[in-house]
Amino acid sequence: MPPTLLLSGPRRDGPHMRTEITERFRHFHAHYLAEKGKNALLQAYCHALTQWVQNPNTDVYHIEMLFDEISLAVQTDELSD
């Protein structure tokens, strides 16, 4: 699977970029889940989140928003692999 392209300028904030990143993430998730399994995927996500939270360039507001979204998601029965 190719790495995520780092873009700058107007293309990075373009209307289709969020959709593209979302689709790439879904593809990565399905591929990694099928190849490595749930435990490995959870470990990879936890590691990435920990690194992201520790990054001094990460805005605390975004960290709080993400944890709020995760907290809400685990309270629903609508989650799937």
C-alpha atoms as a PDB file:
ATOM      1  CA  MET A   1       0.000   0.000   0.000  1.00  0.00           C
ATOM      2  CA  PRO A   2       1.503   3.366  -0.984  1.00  0.00           C
ATOM      3  CA  PRO A   3       2.211   5.905   1.752  1.00  0.00           C
ATOM      4  CA  THR A   4      -0.024   8.904   2.189  1.00  0.00           C
ATOM      5  CA  LEU A   5       1.023  11.739  -0.083  1.00  0.00           C
ATOM      6  CA  LEU A   6       1.983  14.915   1.695  1.00  0.00           C
ATOM      7  CA  LEU A   7       0.391  17.815  -0.081  1.00  0.00           C
ATOM      8  CA  SER A   8       0.594  21.534   0.470  1.00  0.00           C
ATOM      9  CA  GLY A   9      -1.241  24.579  -0.701  1.00  0.00           C
ATOM     10  CA  PRO A  10      -4.709  24.674  -2.278  1.00  0.00           C
ATOM     11  CA  ARG A  11      -4.823  20.967  -3.176  1.00  0.00           C
ATOM     12  CA  ARG A  12      -4.325  19.939   0.462  1.00  0.00           C
ATOM     13  CA  ASP A  13      -7.366  21.941   1.524  1.00  0.00           C
ATOM     14  CA  GLY A  14      -9.379  21.206  -1.604  1.00  0.00           C
ATOM     15  CA  PRO A  15     -12.933  19.891  -1.387  1.00  0.00           C
ATOM     16  CA  HIS A  16     -11.999  16.377  -2.462  1.00  0.00           C
ATOM     17  CA  MET A  17      -8.960  15.886  -0.231  1.00  0.00           C
ATOM     18  CA  ARG A  18     -10.922  14.834   2.877  1.00  0.00           C
ATOM     19  CA  THR A  19     -12.896  12.339   0.809  1.00  0.00           C
ATOM     20  CA  GLU A  20      -9.701  10.971  -0.717  1.00  0.00           C
ATOM     21  CA  ILE A  21      -8.014  10.605   2.664  1.00  0.00           C
ATOM     22  CA  THR A  22     -11.121   8.952   4.125  1.00  0.00           C
ATOM     23  CA  GLU A  23     -11.196   6.409   1.297  1.00  0.00           C
ATOM     24  CA  ARG A  24      -7.478   5.721   1.613  1.00  0.00           C
ATOM     25  CA  PHE A  25      -7.889   5.167   5.331  1.00  0.00           C
ATOM     26  CA  ARG A  26     -10.813   2.777   4.800  1.00  0.00           C
ATOM     27  CA  HIS A  27      -8.775   0.868   2.231  1.00  0.00           C
ATOM     28  CA  PHE A  28      -5.787   0.690   4.592  1.00  0.00           C
ATOM     29  CA  HIS A  29      -8.026  -0.460   7.444  1.00  0.00           C
ATOM     30  CA  ALA A  30      -9.633  -3.258   5.442  1.00  0.00           C
ATOM     31  CA  HIS A  31      -6.299  -4.401   3.979  1.00  0.00           C
ATOM     32  CA  TYR A  32      -4.438  -4.379   7.306  1.00  0.00           C
ATOM     33  CA  LEU A  33      -7.354  -6.024   9.138  1.00  0.00           C
ATOM     34  CA  ALA A  34      -7.466  -8.871   6.609  1.00  0.00           C
ATOM     35  CA  GLU A  35      -3.691  -9.281   6.595  1.00  0.00           C
ATOM     36  CA  LYS A  36      -2.776  -8.854  10.285  1.00  0.00           C
ATOM     37  CA  GLY A  37      -5.998  -9.144  12.312  1.00  0.00           C
ATOM     38  CA  LYS A  38      -7.816  -7.039  14.882  1.00  0.00           C
ATOM     39  CA  ASN A  39      -5.184  -7.119  17.647  1.00  0.00           C
ATOM     40  CA  ALA A  40      -2.369  -5.931  15.391  1.00  0.00           C
ATOM     41  CA  LEU A  41      -4.600  -3.229  13.930  1.00  0.00           C
ATOM     42  CA  LEU A  42      -5.591  -1.981  17.382  1.00  0.00           C
ATOM     43  CA  GLN A  43      -1.940  -1.907  18.451  1.00  0.00           C
ATOM     44  CA  ALA A  44      -1.018   0.078  15.326  1.00  0.00           C
ATOM     45  CA  TYR A  45      -3.816   2.595  15.950  1.00  0.00           C
ATOM     46  CA  CYS A  46      -2.891   2.984  19.619  1.00  0.00           C
ATOM     47  CA  HIS A  47       0.748   3.525  18.732  1.00  0.00           C
ATOM     48  CA  ALA A  48      -0.111   6.109  16.075  1.00  0.00           C
ATOM     49  CA  LEU A  49      -2.524   7.949  18.384  1.00  0.00           C
ATOM     50  CA  THR A  50       0.028   8.032  21.174  1.00  0.00           C
ATOM     51  CA  GLN A  51       2.667   9.452  18.835  1.00  0.00           C
ATOM     52  CA  TRP A  52       0.206  12.024  17.490  1.00  0.00           C
ATOM     53  CA  VAL A  53      -0.844  13.130  20.985  1.00  0.00           C
ATOM     54  CA  GLN A  54       2.792  13.495  22.060  1.00  0.00           C
ATOM     55  CA  ASN A  55       3.665  15.585  18.999  1.00  0.00           C
ATOM     56  CA  PRO A  56       4.037  19.212  20.174  1.00  0.00           C
ATOM     57  CA  ASN A  57       2.570  20.388  16.845  1.00  0.00           C
ATOM     58  CA  THR A  58      -0.733  18.613  17.537  1.00  0.00           C
ATOM     59  CA  ASP A  59      -3.405  21.013  18.739  1.00  0.00           C
ATOM     60  CA  VAL A  60      -4.905  19.927  22.083  1.00  0.00           C
ATOM     61  CA  TYR A  61      -8.341  20.940  20.826  1.00  0.00           C
ATOM     62  CA  HIS A  62      -8.086  18.344  18.037  1.00  0.00           C
ATOM     63  CA  ILE A  63      -6.957  15.702  20.518  1.00  0.00           C
ATOM     64  CA  GLU A  64      -9.997  16.409  22.686  1.00  0.00           C
ATOM     65  CA  MET A  65     -12.317  16.289  19.669  1.00  0.00           C
ATOM     66  CA  LEU A  66     -10.932  12.941  18.568  1.00  0.00           C
ATOM     67  CA  PHE A  67     -11.315  11.407  22.014  1.00  0.00           C
ATOM     68  CA  ASP A  68     -14.871  12.744  22.193  1.00  0.00           C
ATOM     69  CA  GLU A  69     -15.641  11.092  18.849  1.00  0.00           C
ATOM     70  CA  ILE A  70     -14.097   7.807  19.992  1.00  0.00           C
ATOM     71  CA  SER A  71     -16.055   7.935  23.259  1.00  0.00           C
ATOM     72  CA  LEU A  72     -19.309   8.509  21.395  1.00  0.00           C
ATOM     73  CA  ALA A  73     -18.549   5.783  18.856  1.00  0.00           C
ATOM     74  CA  VAL A  74     -17.973   3.082  21.476  1.00  0.00           C
ATOM     75  CA  GLN A  75     -21.332   3.907  23.056  1.00  0.00           C
ATOM     76  CA  THR A  76     -23.207   3.011  19.869  1.00  0.00           C
ATOM     77  CA  ASP A  77     -23.969  -0.391  18.433  1.00  0.00           C
ATOM     78  CA  GLU A  78     -23.302   0.827  14.911  1.00  0.00           C
ATOM     79  CA  LEU A  79     -19.591   0.019  14.861  1.00  0.00           C
ATOM     80  CA  SER A  80     -18.264  -2.522  12.395  1.00  0.00           C
ATOM     81  CA  ASP A  81     -14.838  -3.747  11.332  1.00  0.00           C
END
